[in-house]
């Protein structure tokens, strides 16, 4: 009887010990899970920031590679191109259609001052101050139209049947010699969108320039267009500008191995050599802050000289008329010749 009681007591103690071990293990697991949950909650913002930085870095890589490949092809002869493969798993690429519009004009002789004014889809007006203009050639990518007229001391209305909604170039002649050129250049490009925790990060590649934007911010100019201005040893101002239009054909590829075919449609020389009364305008539809940012950047030196009352010493970009640059910009308002180099680069991107 005594032995039986002792054995039952031992069994009860063993059972109590087993229950205690199970409870201990459960409590230990609960503590581990609680600690892991706390660590996860603590680390989540850092993990998200790391993922955002990784996605942002990948988007930068895509932008740099695409821009570099396009730059290689842009200055090449027509039908020259290359194929490149880019991983776009964390980003998407879409076209930016006519997101910038440039106008450039200049006299090609010192003997006359000519003004070309766009009136509507089917007409321009030509005013020749010294009455030397007698012929106009309107060029578009779809065709060209020539008009011969008598010299006049009044505006001459030129009618045509071309589609000038896109790129057009108007060249004015006197005795078969070009004396003035005016061009409107709408430019398209590419936009790279990447999802981040707080929305979306966007990169716009337009005309060899780059613009950046986060969802809660406005567009900012990261790299401006490549407009180079310098004073030569003889005092002549030199300006060079490449306008790059990237036309997309079909939908843009995506995925790990997105293939892009990049082809040159041929560069077009707009100005090369001496020019007088150069004027250009820039307008961006990317965002309302871009055009003011660009004008402010171009007019920085002018405004500094204006504030210090030393405009007579200023050489470089100046307002065409109003100080805001709303009417356009020019280079060296002295009326002397400048060395002007402007070319238009046409590029096609397809899958």
Protein backbone atom coordinates (compact mmCIF):
# COMPACT_ATOMS: atom_id res chain seq x y z
CA UNK A 1 0.00 0.00 0.00
CA UNK A 2 2.79 2.42 0.93
CA UNK A 3 4.70 1.53 -2.27
CA UNK A 4 1.60 2.17 -4.36
CA UNK A 5 1.15 5.65 -2.83
CA UNK A 6 4.78 6.52 -3.47
CA UNK A 7 4.49 5.47 -7.15
CA UNK A 8 1.31 7.57 -7.61
CA UNK A 9 3.06 10.55 -6.05
CA UNK A 10 5.99 10.20 -8.42
CA UNK A 11 3.67 9.96 -11.44
CA UNK A 12 1.88 13.15 -10.33
CA UNK A 13 5.17 15.00 -9.91
CA UNK A 14 6.36 13.86 -13.34
CA UNK A 15 3.10 15.04 -14.91
CA UNK A 16 3.35 18.42 -13.18
CA UNK A 17 6.95 18.78 -14.41
CA UNK A 18 5.92 17.98 -17.99
CA UNK A 19 3.13 20.56 -17.87
CA UNK A 20 5.55 23.14 -16.49
CA UNK A 21 8.02 22.47 -19.34
CA UNK A 22 5.29 22.90 -21.97
CA UNK A 23 4.15 26.17 -20.40
CA UNK A 24 7.76 27.35 -20.30
CA UNK A 25 8.30 26.53 -23.95
CA UNK A 26 5.07 28.29 -24.92
CA UNK A 27 6.02 31.36 -22.92
CA UNK A 28 9.49 31.34 -24.47
CA UNK A 29 7.99 31.13 -27.97
CA UNK A 30 5.60 33.95 -27.12
CA UNK A 31 8.48 36.10 -25.95
CA UNK A 32 10.47 35.34 -29.11
CA UNK A 33 7.49 36.14 -31.33
CA UNK A 34 6.82 39.37 -29.42
CA UNK A 35 10.46 40.41 -29.71
CA UNK A 36 10.55 39.55 -33.43
CA UNK A 37 7.36 41.52 -33.98
CA UNK A 38 8.83 44.50 -32.18
CA UNK A 39 12.04 44.27 -34.17
CA UNK A 40 10.05 43.99 -37.41
CA UNK A 41 7.94 47.04 -36.52
CA UNK A 42 11.10 48.94 -35.60
CA UNK A 43 12.93 47.95 -38.80
CA UNK A 44 10.01 48.37 -41.24
CA UNK A 45 10.71 52.08 -42.00
CA UNK A 46 14.37 51.30 -42.60
CA UNK A 47 13.51 48.35 -44.84
CA UNK A 48 11.08 50.52 -46.80
CA UNK A 49 13.71 53.25 -47.17
CA UNK A 50 16.21 50.66 -48.35
CA UNK A 51 13.73 49.36 -50.93
CA UNK A 52 12.99 52.93 -52.07
CA UNK A 53 16.72 53.68 -52.39
CA UNK A 54 17.21 50.48 -54.37
CA UNK A 55 14.31 51.29 -56.70
CA UNK A 56 15.52 54.90 -57.07
CA UNK A 57 19.03 53.69 -57.86
CA UNK A 58 17.68 51.25 -60.47
CA UNK A 59 15.60 54.03 -62.05
CA UNK A 60 18.69 56.25 -62.21
CA UNK A 61 20.57 53.44 -63.92
CA UNK A 62 17.79 53.01 -66.48
CA UNK A 63 17.74 56.77 -67.17
CA UNK A 64 21.52 56.99 -67.57
CA UNK A 65 21.72 53.97 -69.87
CA UNK A 66 18.82 55.08 -72.07
CA UNK A 67 20.09 58.66 -72.28
CA UNK A 68 23.59 57.45 -73.10
CA UNK A 69 22.39 55.13 -75.90
CA UNK A 70 20.13 57.83 -77.37
CA UNK A 71 22.99 60.34 -77.25
CA UNK A 72 25.23 57.96 -79.23
CA UNK A 73 22.62 57.53 -81.96
CA UNK A 74 21.30 61.12 -82.06
CA UNK A 75 24.22 62.65 -83.93
CA UNK A 76 24.62 59.76 -86.38
CA UNK A 77 23.45 59.68 -89.99
CA UNK A 78 19.95 58.53 -90.89
CA UNK A 79 19.07 54.84 -90.36
CA UNK A 80 22.03 54.33 -88.03
CA UNK A 81 21.01 52.71 -84.76
CA UNK A 82 21.56 50.15 -82.04
CA UNK A 83 19.67 47.72 -79.83
CA UNK A 84 20.01 47.71 -76.06
CA UNK A 85 18.54 45.51 -73.32
CA UNK A 86 17.53 47.04 -69.99
CA UNK A 87 15.86 45.49 -66.93
CA UNK A 88 12.73 47.48 -66.08
CA UNK A 89 11.13 45.22 -63.46
CA UNK A 90 10.84 48.01 -60.85
CA UNK A 91 10.00 50.83 -63.26
CA UNK A 92 7.81 51.62 -66.24
CA UNK A 93 8.67 53.75 -69.27
CA UNK A 94 6.22 55.88 -71.20
CA UNK A 95 6.56 58.49 -73.96
CA UNK A 96 6.35 62.23 -73.37
CA UNK A 97 4.72 63.71 -76.46
CA UNK A 98 5.58 67.32 -77.39
CA UNK A 99 6.45 68.14 -73.78
CA UNK A 100 8.71 71.04 -74.84
CA UNK A 101 8.38 73.61 -77.60
CA UNK A 102 11.34 75.67 -78.78
CA UNK A 103 11.34 78.47 -81.32
CA UNK A 104 14.61 79.72 -82.79
CA UNK A 105 15.10 82.51 -85.32
CA UNK A 106 17.94 84.65 -86.62
CA UNK A 107 18.94 86.81 -89.55
CA UNK A 108 21.61 85.27 -91.75
CA UNK A 109 22.84 88.60 -93.07
CA UNK A 110 23.62 92.02 -91.64
CA UNK A 111 21.86 93.73 -94.58
CA UNK A 112 18.29 93.19 -93.40
CA UNK A 113 16.18 92.47 -90.34
CA UNK A 114 13.39 90.01 -91.04
CA UNK A 115 10.50 88.95 -88.80
CA UNK A 116 8.48 85.77 -89.36
CA UNK A 117 5.17 85.53 -87.48
CA UNK A 118 2.99 82.44 -87.20
CA UNK A 119 -0.62 83.48 -87.87
CA UNK A 120 -2.52 80.20 -88.05
CA UNK A 121 -2.29 76.65 -89.37
CA UNK A 122 -2.17 77.84 -92.98
CA UNK A 123 -0.36 81.17 -93.00
CA UNK A 124 2.67 83.18 -91.88
CA UNK A 125 3.50 86.86 -92.17
CA UNK A 126 6.89 88.08 -93.37
CA UNK A 127 8.21 91.56 -92.66
CA UNK A 128 11.50 92.66 -94.24
CA UNK A 129 12.73 95.94 -92.77
CA UNK A 130 14.96 96.76 -95.75
CA UNK A 131 12.57 95.24 -98.32
CA UNK A 132 14.96 92.58 -99.59
CA UNK A 133 12.87 89.43 -98.95
CA UNK A 134 11.31 87.93 -102.08
CA UNK A 135 10.91 84.20 -101.48
CA UNK A 136 9.92 81.88 -98.63
CA UNK A 137 10.38 78.12 -98.21
CA UNK A 138 8.24 76.39 -95.57
CA UNK A 139 9.56 72.92 -94.64
CA UNK A 140 7.93 70.18 -92.60
CA UNK A 141 8.66 66.47 -92.24
CA UNK A 142 5.74 65.77 -94.59
CA UNK A 143 6.73 68.17 -97.37
CA UNK A 144 7.68 71.72 -98.29
CA UNK A 145 6.05 74.74 -99.91
CA UNK A 146 7.72 77.63 -101.76
CA UNK A 147 6.23 81.08 -102.30
CA UNK A 148 7.75 83.84 -104.46
CA UNK A 149 6.52 87.40 -103.90
CA UNK A 150 7.42 91.00 -104.65
CA UNK A 151 9.52 92.96 -102.20
CA UNK A 152 7.43 95.18 -99.96
CA UNK A 153 7.70 97.66 -97.11
CA UNK A 154 4.68 96.00 -95.46
CA UNK A 155 3.98 92.57 -94.05
CA UNK A 156 3.54 89.89 -96.67
CA UNK A 157 1.06 87.09 -95.92
CA UNK A 158 2.25 83.63 -96.97
CA UNK A 159 -0.41 80.91 -97.37
CA UNK A 160 0.34 77.20 -97.55
CA UNK A 161 -1.35 73.80 -97.21
CA UNK A 162 1.19 72.03 -95.01
CA UNK A 163 0.62 70.55 -91.56
CA UNK A 164 2.63 72.79 -89.23
CA UNK A 165 1.29 71.32 -85.98
CA UNK A 166 4.67 69.62 -85.50
CA UNK A 167 8.15 70.72 -86.62
CA UNK A 168 8.36 73.47 -89.23
CA UNK A 169 11.21 75.56 -90.62
CA UNK A 170 10.65 78.82 -92.51
CA UNK A 171 13.56 80.15 -94.58
CA UNK A 172 13.42 83.60 -96.22
CA UNK A 173 15.48 84.32 -99.35
CA UNK A 174 16.77 87.33 -101.27
CA UNK A 175 18.34 86.71 -104.68
CA UNK A 176 18.34 82.96 -103.90
CA UNK A 177 20.39 83.59 -100.77
CA UNK A 178 18.98 82.67 -97.34
CA UNK A 179 18.70 85.85 -95.24
CA UNK A 180 16.56 84.63 -92.32
CA UNK A 181 15.45 81.37 -90.70
CA UNK A 182 12.68 80.72 -88.21
CA UNK A 183 11.80 77.30 -86.75
CA UNK A 184 9.38 75.84 -84.25
CA UNK A 185 10.54 72.58 -82.70
CA UNK A 186 8.20 70.55 -80.45
CA UNK A 187 10.27 67.95 -78.60
CA UNK A 188 9.24 64.56 -77.24
CA UNK A 189 11.10 62.31 -74.83
CA UNK A 190 10.77 59.51 -72.29
CA UNK A 191 9.48 59.34 -68.72
CA UNK A 192 10.59 56.66 -66.23
CA UNK A 193 8.14 56.02 -63.38
CA UNK A 194 9.08 54.07 -60.24
CA UNK A 195 6.77 53.21 -57.33
CA UNK A 196 8.02 54.20 -53.87
CA UNK A 197 6.40 54.06 -50.43
CA UNK A 198 4.99 57.58 -50.60
CA UNK A 199 3.77 57.41 -54.19
CA UNK A 200 5.86 57.61 -57.34
CA UNK A 201 9.24 58.93 -58.45
CA UNK A 202 9.44 60.16 -62.04
CA UNK A 203 12.39 60.97 -64.28
CA UNK A 204 11.83 62.87 -67.54
CA UNK A 205 14.46 62.69 -70.30
CA UNK A 206 13.88 65.60 -72.67
CA UNK A 207 16.31 67.18 -75.11
CA UNK A 208 19.50 65.97 -73.39
CA UNK A 209 18.12 67.36 -70.13
CA UNK A 210 16.76 65.61 -67.05
CA UNK A 211 13.90 66.51 -64.74
CA UNK A 212 12.89 64.77 -61.47
CA UNK A 213 9.67 64.64 -59.49
CA UNK A 214 8.27 62.88 -56.41
CA UNK A 215 4.52 62.56 -55.86
CA UNK A 216 4.43 65.27 -53.19
CA UNK A 217 6.71 67.69 -55.06
CA UNK A 218 6.80 69.68 -58.28
CA UNK A 219 9.12 68.96 -61.20
CA UNK A 220 12.68 70.19 -60.74
CA UNK A 221 15.49 70.70 -63.26
CA UNK A 222 18.27 68.21 -62.50
CA UNK A 223 20.30 68.74 -65.69
CA UNK A 224 19.44 71.67 -68.00
CA UNK A 225 19.55 71.52 -71.83
CA UNK A 226 23.01 71.70 -73.31
CA UNK A 227 23.08 75.36 -74.39
CA UNK A 228 26.73 76.42 -74.52
CA UNK A 229 27.70 80.10 -74.71
CA UNK A 230 31.24 81.44 -74.76
CA UNK A 231 33.16 84.53 -75.79
CA UNK A 232 35.83 83.94 -78.44
CA UNK A 233 39.27 85.57 -78.38
CA UNK A 234 38.13 88.29 -80.82
CA UNK A 235 35.15 89.22 -78.66
CA UNK A 236 32.56 87.36 -80.76
CA UNK A 237 29.95 85.43 -78.83
CA UNK A 238 29.51 81.79 -79.77
CA UNK A 239 26.39 79.75 -79.00
CA UNK A 240 25.73 76.08 -79.69
CA UNK A 241 22.58 74.08 -79.02
CA UNK A 242 21.39 70.59 -79.94
CA UNK A 243 17.64 70.02 -79.97
CA UNK A 244 16.79 66.31 -79.63
CA UNK A 245 13.38 64.90 -80.49
CA UNK A 246 12.72 61.29 -79.41
CA UNK A 247 9.75 59.76 -81.20
CA UNK A 248 8.37 56.49 -79.82
CA UNK A 249 6.93 53.89 -82.18
CA UNK A 250 4.46 51.48 -80.61
CA UNK A 251 4.29 50.59 -76.92
CA UNK A 252 7.38 50.65 -74.74
CA UNK A 253 8.86 47.29 -73.66
CA UNK A 254 9.10 46.18 -70.02
CA UNK A 255 10.34 43.26 -67.92
CA UNK A 256 13.73 41.78 -67.08
CA UNK A 257 14.99 41.88 -70.65
CA UNK A 258 13.29 44.89 -72.22
CA UNK A 259 14.77 45.46 -75.66
CA UNK A 260 14.89 48.94 -77.15
CA UNK A 261 15.68 49.64 -80.81
CA UNK A 262 17.08 53.17 -81.12
CA UNK A 263 17.44 54.62 -84.62
CA UNK A 264 18.54 57.98 -85.98
CA UNK A 265 16.21 59.71 -88.44
CA UNK A 266 19.05 62.03 -89.37
CA UNK A 267 20.33 65.34 -87.91
CA UNK A 268 19.19 68.64 -89.46
CA UNK A 269 21.38 71.74 -89.34
CA UNK A 270 19.33 74.83 -88.53
CA UNK A 271 22.15 77.37 -88.12
CA UNK A 272 25.87 77.16 -88.76
CA UNK A 273 27.95 80.31 -88.93
CA UNK A 274 27.33 84.03 -88.48
CA UNK A 275 23.88 85.13 -87.33
CA UNK A 276 22.28 88.39 -86.26
CA UNK A 277 19.32 89.17 -83.98
CA UNK A 278 19.14 85.64 -82.61
CA UNK A 279 16.02 84.96 -80.58
CA UNK A 280 14.73 81.81 -78.90
CA UNK A 281 11.80 80.82 -76.71
CA UNK A 282 11.27 77.80 -74.49
CA UNK A 283 7.98 76.46 -73.16
CA UNK A 284 7.50 73.25 -71.18
CA UNK A 285 4.20 71.45 -70.58
CA UNK A 286 5.88 69.02 -68.17
CA UNK A 287 4.95 71.19 -65.20
CA UNK A 288 4.14 74.85 -64.48
CA UNK A 289 7.45 75.40 -62.67
CA UNK A 290 9.83 74.27 -65.43
CA UNK A 291 9.65 77.26 -67.78
CA UNK A 292 10.17 79.83 -64.97
CA UNK A 293 13.06 77.75 -63.58
CA UNK A 294 14.76 77.62 -66.97
CA UNK A 295 14.31 81.34 -67.67
CA UNK A 296 15.58 82.22 -64.21
CA UNK A 297 18.65 80.04 -64.70
CA UNK A 298 19.44 81.50 -68.12
CA UNK A 299 19.01 85.08 -66.88
CA UNK A 300 21.01 84.72 -63.65
CA UNK A 301 24.04 86.67 -64.88
CA UNK A 302 21.86 89.28 -66.59
CA UNK A 303 19.88 89.88 -63.40
CA UNK A 304 23.07 90.14 -61.33
CA UNK A 305 24.44 92.78 -63.71
CA UNK A 306 21.10 94.54 -63.74
CA UNK A 307 20.97 94.65 -59.94
CA UNK A 308 24.49 96.09 -59.79
CA UNK A 309 23.82 98.57 -62.62
CA UNK A 310 26.50 97.02 -64.84
CA UNK A 311 24.42 95.83 -67.79
CA UNK A 312 26.88 97.48 -70.17
CA UNK A 313 29.41 94.82 -69.12
CA UNK A 314 27.04 91.87 -69.60
CA UNK A 315 27.78 89.36 -72.35
CA UNK A 316 25.55 86.36 -72.78
CA UNK A 317 21.82 85.62 -72.55
CA UNK A 318 19.49 88.62 -72.21
CA UNK A 319 15.73 89.16 -72.49
CA UNK A 320 14.52 89.86 -76.00
CA UNK A 321 12.21 92.61 -74.69
CA UNK A 322 10.67 92.36 -71.22
CA UNK A 323 13.06 91.56 -68.38
CA UNK A 324 11.10 88.44 -67.43
CA UNK A 325 12.08 86.73 -70.68
CA UNK A 326 8.41 86.21 -71.53
CA UNK A 327 8.96 87.56 -75.07
CA UNK A 328 11.95 85.30 -75.62
CA UNK A 329 15.68 85.45 -75.03
CA UNK A 330 18.63 86.56 -77.10
CA UNK A 331 22.43 86.58 -76.91
CA UNK A 332 24.46 89.78 -76.84
CA UNK A 333 21.90 92.50 -77.57
CA UNK A 334 24.50 94.73 -79.22
CA UNK A 335 23.22 93.69 -82.65
CA UNK A 336 26.60 92.36 -83.73
CA UNK A 337 27.11 88.95 -85.31
CA UNK A 338 27.35 85.83 -83.19
CA UNK A 339 28.71 82.42 -84.19
CA UNK A 340 25.59 80.25 -84.01
CA UNK A 341 25.45 76.45 -84.23
CA UNK A 342 22.06 74.77 -83.80
CA UNK A 343 21.15 71.31 -85.01
CA UNK A 344 18.01 69.22 -84.69
CA UNK A 345 18.50 65.53 -83.89
CA UNK A 346 15.64 63.17 -84.73
CA UNK A 347 15.59 59.80 -82.94
CA UNK A 348 13.10 56.92 -83.05
CA UNK A 349 12.68 54.42 -80.20
CA UNK A 350 10.75 51.17 -80.63
CA UNK A 351 10.63 47.66 -79.17
